[in-house]
N, C-alpha and C. Protein backbone atom coordinates (compact mmCIF):
# COMPACT_ATOMS: atom_id res chain seq x y z
N MET A 1 0.94 -1.12 0.01
CA MET A 1 -0.03 0.00 0.04
C MET A 1 1.00 1.37 -0.24
N ASN A 2 0.63 2.14 -0.96
CA ASN A 2 1.59 3.31 -0.82
C ASN A 2 0.76 4.35 -0.01
N SER A 3 1.50 5.49 0.32
CA SER A 3 1.30 6.57 1.01
C SER A 3 -0.02 7.34 0.39
N SER A 4 -0.42 7.21 -0.71
CA SER A 4 -1.73 7.77 -0.97
C SER A 4 -2.88 7.23 -0.57
N ASP A 5 -2.38 5.75 -0.84
CA ASP A 5 -3.73 4.81 -0.30
C ASP A 5 -3.94 4.90 1.19
N GLU A 6 -2.63 5.05 2.03
CA GLU A 6 -3.12 5.41 3.27
C GLU A 6 -3.35 6.50 4.00
N GLU A 7 -3.00 7.59 3.18
CA GLU A 7 -4.11 8.95 3.33
C GLU A 7 -5.32 8.80 3.09
N LYS A 8 -5.88 7.99 2.05
CA LYS A 8 -7.23 8.19 1.63
C LYS A 8 -7.96 7.13 2.59
N GLN A 9 -7.17 6.20 3.45
CA GLN A 9 -7.76 5.29 4.49
C GLN A 9 -8.12 6.15 5.55
N LEU A 10 -6.91 6.92 6.01
CA LEU A 10 -6.91 7.67 7.04
C LEU A 10 -8.00 8.51 7.18
N GLN A 11 -8.31 9.57 6.07
CA GLN A 11 -9.42 10.33 5.76
C GLN A 11 -10.61 9.51 6.04
N LEU A 12 -10.80 8.40 5.38
CA LEU A 12 -12.10 7.65 5.52
C LEU A 12 -12.54 7.66 6.91
N ILE A 13 -11.32 7.04 7.55
CA ILE A 13 -11.62 6.49 9.19
C ILE A 13 -11.97 7.88 9.94
N THR A 14 -11.37 8.71 9.80
CA THR A 14 -11.75 10.06 10.32
C THR A 14 -12.88 10.56 9.93
N SER A 15 -13.36 10.30 8.86
CA SER A 15 -14.71 10.68 8.31
C SER A 15 -16.00 9.76 9.13
N LEU A 16 -15.77 8.43 9.14
CA LEU A 16 -16.59 7.67 9.75
C LEU A 16 -16.36 7.98 10.99
N LYS A 17 -15.17 8.32 11.88
CA LYS A 17 -15.09 8.38 13.21
C LYS A 17 -16.08 9.84 13.63
N GLU A 18 -16.02 10.47 12.68
CA GLU A 18 -16.76 11.94 13.17
C GLU A 18 -18.43 11.68 12.81
N GLN A 19 -18.75 11.18 11.68
CA GLN A 19 -19.99 10.68 11.42
C GLN A 19 -20.61 9.80 12.79
N ALA A 20 -19.97 8.98 13.11
CA ALA A 20 -20.22 7.82 14.36
C ALA A 20 -20.52 8.93 15.67
N ILE A 21 -19.60 9.78 15.86
CA ILE A 21 -19.57 10.55 17.25
C ILE A 21 -20.82 11.59 16.99
N GLY A 22 -21.19 12.21 15.84
CA GLY A 22 -22.22 13.04 15.78
C GLY A 22 -23.60 12.02 15.87
N GLU A 23 -23.69 10.97 15.42
CA GLU A 23 -24.78 10.26 15.39
C GLU A 23 -25.07 9.61 17.06
N TYR A 24 -23.94 9.52 17.80
CA TYR A 24 -24.10 9.25 19.07
C TYR A 24 -24.61 10.30 19.86
N GLU A 25 -23.99 11.61 19.68
CA GLU A 25 -24.33 12.76 20.28
C GLU A 25 -25.93 13.02 20.26
N ASP A 26 -26.31 12.97 18.85
CA ASP A 26 -27.49 13.12 18.38
C ASP A 26 -28.63 12.12 19.16
N LEU A 27 -28.29 10.91 19.25
CA LEU A 27 -29.05 9.77 20.08
C LEU A 27 -28.90 10.38 21.48
N ARG A 28 -27.86 10.76 22.09
CA ARG A 28 -27.78 10.70 23.58
C ARG A 28 -28.81 11.85 24.05
N ALA A 29 -28.78 12.99 22.97
CA ALA A 29 -29.57 14.36 23.34
C ALA A 29 -31.13 13.65 23.39
N GLU A 30 -31.28 13.01 22.04
CA GLU A 30 -32.73 12.46 22.08
C GLU A 30 -33.12 11.67 23.27
N ASN A 31 -32.18 10.86 23.67
CA ASN A 31 -32.49 10.14 24.86
C ASN A 31 -32.86 10.76 26.03
N GLN A 32 -31.96 11.79 26.20
CA GLN A 32 -32.03 12.90 27.40
C GLN A 32 -33.32 13.48 27.31
N LYS A 33 -33.71 14.06 26.40
CA LYS A 33 -35.21 14.78 26.09
C LYS A 33 -36.43 13.76 26.30
N THR A 34 -36.32 12.63 25.91
CA THR A 34 -37.17 11.40 26.05
C THR A 34 -37.15 11.13 27.64
N LYS A 35 -36.13 11.12 28.26
CA LYS A 35 -36.00 10.99 29.69
C LYS A 35 -36.82 12.09 30.59
N GLU A 36 -36.50 13.16 30.12
CA GLU A 36 -37.27 14.40 30.72
C GLU A 36 -38.72 14.65 30.81
N LYS A 37 -39.07 13.93 29.15
CA LYS A 37 -40.57 14.28 29.08
C LYS A 37 -41.40 13.34 30.10
N LEU A 38 -40.51 11.93 30.31
CA LEU A 38 -41.15 10.88 31.19
C LEU A 38 -41.15 11.34 32.51
N ILE A 39 -40.02 12.24 32.89
CA ILE A 39 -40.09 12.72 34.17
C ILE A 39 -41.18 13.45 34.50
N SER A 40 -41.34 14.36 33.77
CA SER A 40 -42.31 15.47 33.56
C SER A 40 -43.91 14.97 33.41
N THR A 41 -43.75 14.04 33.07
CA THR A 41 -45.30 12.96 32.70
C THR A 41 -45.90 12.70 33.99
N PRO A 42 -47.32 13.37 34.43
CA PRO A 42 -47.74 12.66 35.73
C PRO A 42 -47.93 11.19 35.41
N GLY A 43 -47.66 10.49 36.42
CA GLY A 43 -48.06 9.06 36.55
C GLY A 43 -47.21 8.24 36.15
N SER A 44 -45.87 8.74 35.77
CA SER A 44 -44.93 7.86 34.78
C SER A 44 -43.86 7.32 35.84
N ARG A 45 -43.45 6.22 35.49
CA ARG A 45 -42.68 5.23 36.72
C ARG A 45 -41.00 5.86 36.77
N TRP A 46 -41.03 7.02 36.43
CA TRP A 46 -39.43 7.40 36.38
C TRP A 46 -39.61 8.12 37.77
């Protein structure tokens, strides 16, 4: 594998990592909103 291929792979890995982190943060925020909604709902078990 030459350095150009390695550079492309590194860029791909970096891109996928950033995408995964972004999706994780979105899901975490959505989960937090759901928890807050459940806590504020009368009669909830939270």
